[in-house]
């Protein structure tokens, strides 16, 4: 029985691999075309911080209200 499985696997495996899509990463090694300013950096970091810390801060600020709910 194992010989039958090996034969079937040997014939089916290349057919299955032929239809696979090859994915390639797009990497650029050159410097950026435009410099990012200080204000843009500060705004970007502020928005990321707000997006990550905002919801947890909201929950911690309203923790007592969440405890009272039954």
N, C-alpha and C. Protein backbone atom coordinates (compact mmCIF):
# COMPACT_ATOMS: atom_id res chain seq x y z
N UNK A 1 0.82 -1.20 0.00
CA UNK A 1 0.00 0.00 0.00
C UNK A 1 0.86 1.25 0.00
N UNK A 2 1.97 1.21 0.73
CA UNK A 2 2.82 2.40 0.79
C UNK A 2 3.47 2.67 -0.57
N UNK A 3 3.74 1.62 -1.34
CA UNK A 3 4.30 1.81 -2.67
C UNK A 3 3.32 2.53 -3.59
N UNK A 4 2.04 2.22 -3.43
CA UNK A 4 1.00 2.88 -4.21
C UNK A 4 0.91 4.37 -3.86
N UNK A 5 1.01 4.67 -2.56
CA UNK A 5 0.98 6.06 -2.12
C UNK A 5 2.19 6.84 -2.62
N UNK A 6 3.37 6.22 -2.58
CA UNK A 6 4.58 6.89 -3.06
C UNK A 6 4.48 7.18 -4.55
N UNK A 7 3.96 6.24 -5.32
CA UNK A 7 3.80 6.43 -6.76
C UNK A 7 2.81 7.55 -7.05
N UNK A 8 1.69 7.54 -6.33
CA UNK A 8 0.67 8.58 -6.53
C UNK A 8 1.22 9.95 -6.14
N UNK A 9 1.95 10.00 -5.02
CA UNK A 9 2.51 11.27 -4.56
C UNK A 9 3.56 11.79 -5.54
N UNK A 10 4.35 10.88 -6.11
CA UNK A 10 5.38 11.29 -7.06
C UNK A 10 4.77 11.88 -8.33
N UNK A 11 3.59 11.41 -8.71
CA UNK A 11 2.95 11.91 -9.93
C UNK A 11 2.11 13.17 -9.66
N UNK A 12 1.53 13.27 -8.49
CA UNK A 12 0.64 14.39 -8.19
C UNK A 12 1.40 15.62 -7.72
N UNK A 13 2.48 15.44 -6.96
CA UNK A 13 3.19 16.56 -6.36
C UNK A 13 3.71 17.58 -7.40
N UNK A 14 4.35 17.17 -8.51
CA UNK A 14 4.79 18.18 -9.48
C UNK A 14 3.62 18.94 -10.11
N UNK A 15 2.50 18.28 -10.29
CA UNK A 15 1.34 18.96 -10.87
C UNK A 15 0.80 20.01 -9.91
N UNK A 16 0.84 19.72 -8.63
CA UNK A 16 0.36 20.69 -7.64
C UNK A 16 1.32 21.87 -7.51
N UNK A 17 2.61 21.61 -7.61
CA UNK A 17 3.60 22.68 -7.49
C UNK A 17 3.63 23.58 -8.71
N UNK A 18 3.22 23.12 -9.86
CA UNK A 18 3.29 23.91 -11.08
C UNK A 18 2.36 25.11 -11.05
N UNK A 19 1.26 25.03 -10.32
CA UNK A 19 0.28 26.11 -10.29
C UNK A 19 0.52 27.11 -9.17
N UNK A 20 1.56 26.95 -8.42
CA UNK A 20 1.83 27.86 -7.31
C UNK A 20 2.28 29.22 -7.84
N UNK A 21 1.84 30.26 -7.17
CA UNK A 21 2.23 31.62 -7.54
C UNK A 21 3.48 31.99 -6.76
N UNK A 22 4.48 32.46 -7.46
CA UNK A 22 5.72 32.87 -6.82
C UNK A 22 5.59 34.32 -6.38
N UNK A 23 5.80 34.57 -5.10
CA UNK A 23 5.72 35.92 -4.56
C UNK A 23 7.13 36.45 -4.36
N UNK A 24 7.32 37.68 -4.75
CA UNK A 24 8.63 38.32 -4.58
C UNK A 24 8.45 39.63 -3.84
N UNK A 25 9.36 39.90 -2.95
CA UNK A 25 9.32 41.15 -2.21
C UNK A 25 9.92 42.26 -3.07
N UNK A 26 9.33 43.44 -2.97
CA UNK A 26 9.85 44.58 -3.69
C UNK A 26 10.71 45.39 -2.73
N UNK A 27 12.00 45.33 -2.92
CA UNK A 27 12.94 46.03 -2.05
C UNK A 27 13.70 47.07 -2.85
N UNK A 28 13.85 48.24 -2.27
CA UNK A 28 14.61 49.31 -2.89
C UNK A 28 15.79 49.64 -1.99
N UNK A 29 16.95 49.75 -2.58
CA UNK A 29 18.14 50.03 -1.78
C UNK A 29 18.61 51.47 -1.91
N UNK A 30 17.90 52.25 -2.70
CA UNK A 30 18.28 53.65 -2.85
C UNK A 30 17.70 54.50 -1.73
N UNK A 31 18.27 55.68 -1.49
CA UNK A 31 17.69 56.59 -0.49
C UNK A 31 16.32 57.09 -0.95
N UNK A 32 15.56 57.60 0.00
CA UNK A 32 14.23 58.12 -0.30
C UNK A 32 14.33 59.30 -1.27
N UNK A 33 13.29 59.47 -2.08
CA UNK A 33 13.28 60.57 -3.04
C UNK A 33 13.13 61.92 -2.36
N UNK A 34 12.32 61.95 -1.30
CA UNK A 34 12.09 63.19 -0.56
C UNK A 34 12.40 62.98 0.91
N UNK A 35 12.95 63.99 1.54
CA UNK A 35 13.23 63.91 2.96
C UNK A 35 11.94 64.14 3.74
N UNK A 36 11.79 63.43 4.85
CA UNK A 36 10.63 63.62 5.72
C UNK A 36 11.02 64.65 6.77
N UNK A 37 10.18 65.66 6.92
CA UNK A 37 10.47 66.74 7.84
C UNK A 37 10.22 66.36 9.29
N UNK A 38 10.68 67.23 10.18
CA UNK A 38 10.53 67.00 11.61
C UNK A 38 9.07 67.03 12.02
N UNK A 39 8.31 67.97 11.49
CA UNK A 39 6.89 68.08 11.83
C UNK A 39 6.12 66.85 11.38
N UNK A 40 6.41 66.36 10.19
CA UNK A 40 5.75 65.14 9.70
C UNK A 40 6.08 63.94 10.57
N UNK A 41 7.32 63.86 11.03
CA UNK A 41 7.74 62.77 11.90
C UNK A 41 7.01 62.83 13.23
N UNK A 42 6.92 64.01 13.81
CA UNK A 42 6.25 64.19 15.10
C UNK A 42 4.76 63.86 14.97
N UNK A 43 4.13 64.32 13.90
CA UNK A 43 2.70 64.02 13.70
C UNK A 43 2.49 62.52 13.50
N UNK A 44 3.33 61.89 12.71
CA UNK A 44 3.21 60.45 12.48
C UNK A 44 3.38 59.64 13.75
N UNK A 45 4.41 59.94 14.53
CA UNK A 45 4.63 59.22 15.78
C UNK A 45 3.50 59.48 16.77
N UNK A 46 3.00 60.71 16.79
CA UNK A 46 1.87 61.04 17.68
C UNK A 46 0.62 60.26 17.31
N UNK A 47 0.34 60.14 16.02
CA UNK A 47 -0.85 59.40 15.59
C UNK A 47 -0.72 57.91 15.90
N UNK A 48 0.48 57.34 15.68
CA UNK A 48 0.68 55.94 16.03
C UNK A 48 0.52 55.72 17.53
N UNK A 49 1.08 56.62 18.33
CA UNK A 49 0.96 56.49 19.78
C UNK A 49 -0.50 56.59 20.21
N UNK A 50 -1.24 57.51 19.63
CA UNK A 50 -2.65 57.65 19.96
C UNK A 50 -3.44 56.42 19.55
N UNK A 51 -3.13 55.87 18.39
CA UNK A 51 -3.85 54.68 17.92
C UNK A 51 -3.57 53.46 18.79
N UNK A 52 -2.36 53.36 19.32
CA UNK A 52 -2.01 52.20 20.14
C UNK A 52 -2.39 52.41 21.60
N UNK A 53 -2.09 53.57 22.16
CA UNK A 53 -2.32 53.81 23.58
C UNK A 53 -3.70 54.38 23.89
N UNK A 54 -4.37 54.95 22.91
CA UNK A 54 -5.68 55.57 23.13
C UNK A 54 -6.74 54.62 23.67
N UNK A 55 -6.98 53.50 23.00
CA UNK A 55 -8.01 52.59 23.51
C UNK A 55 -7.72 52.03 24.91
N UNK A 56 -6.46 51.69 25.16
CA UNK A 56 -6.14 51.16 26.50
C UNK A 56 -6.27 52.26 27.55
N UNK A 57 -5.93 53.49 27.21
CA UNK A 57 -6.11 54.60 28.14
C UNK A 57 -7.58 54.85 28.43
N UNK A 58 -8.41 54.73 27.41
CA UNK A 58 -9.86 54.90 27.58
C UNK A 58 -10.41 53.85 28.54
N UNK A 59 -9.99 52.61 28.36
CA UNK A 59 -10.46 51.53 29.22
C UNK A 59 -9.99 51.75 30.66
N UNK A 60 -8.74 52.13 30.84
CA UNK A 60 -8.23 52.37 32.20
C UNK A 60 -8.91 53.57 32.85
N UNK A 61 -9.25 54.59 32.07
CA UNK A 61 -9.90 55.76 32.63
C UNK A 61 -11.34 55.46 33.05
N UNK A 62 -12.00 54.51 32.41
CA UNK A 62 -13.39 54.17 32.70
C UNK A 62 -13.52 52.81 33.38
N UNK A 63 -12.47 52.36 34.04
CA UNK A 63 -12.46 51.04 34.65
C UNK A 63 -13.52 50.90 35.74
N UNK A 64 -13.73 51.93 36.52
CA UNK A 64 -14.72 51.87 37.59
C UNK A 64 -16.13 51.72 37.02
N UNK A 65 -16.41 52.36 35.89
CA UNK A 65 -17.72 52.23 35.26
C UNK A 65 -17.93 50.80 34.75
N UNK A 66 -16.89 50.20 34.24
CA UNK A 66 -17.00 48.84 33.74
C UNK A 66 -17.20 47.85 34.88
N UNK A 67 -16.64 48.14 36.05
CA UNK A 67 -16.80 47.26 37.21
C UNK A 67 -18.24 47.29 37.74
N UNK A 68 -18.91 48.45 37.63
CA UNK A 68 -20.26 48.62 38.18
C UNK A 68 -21.31 47.88 37.33
N UNK A 69 -21.05 47.69 36.07
CA UNK A 69 -22.04 47.02 35.22
C UNK A 69 -22.22 45.57 35.65
N UNK A 70 -23.49 45.15 35.62
CA UNK A 70 -23.78 43.77 36.04
C UNK A 70 -24.12 42.91 34.87
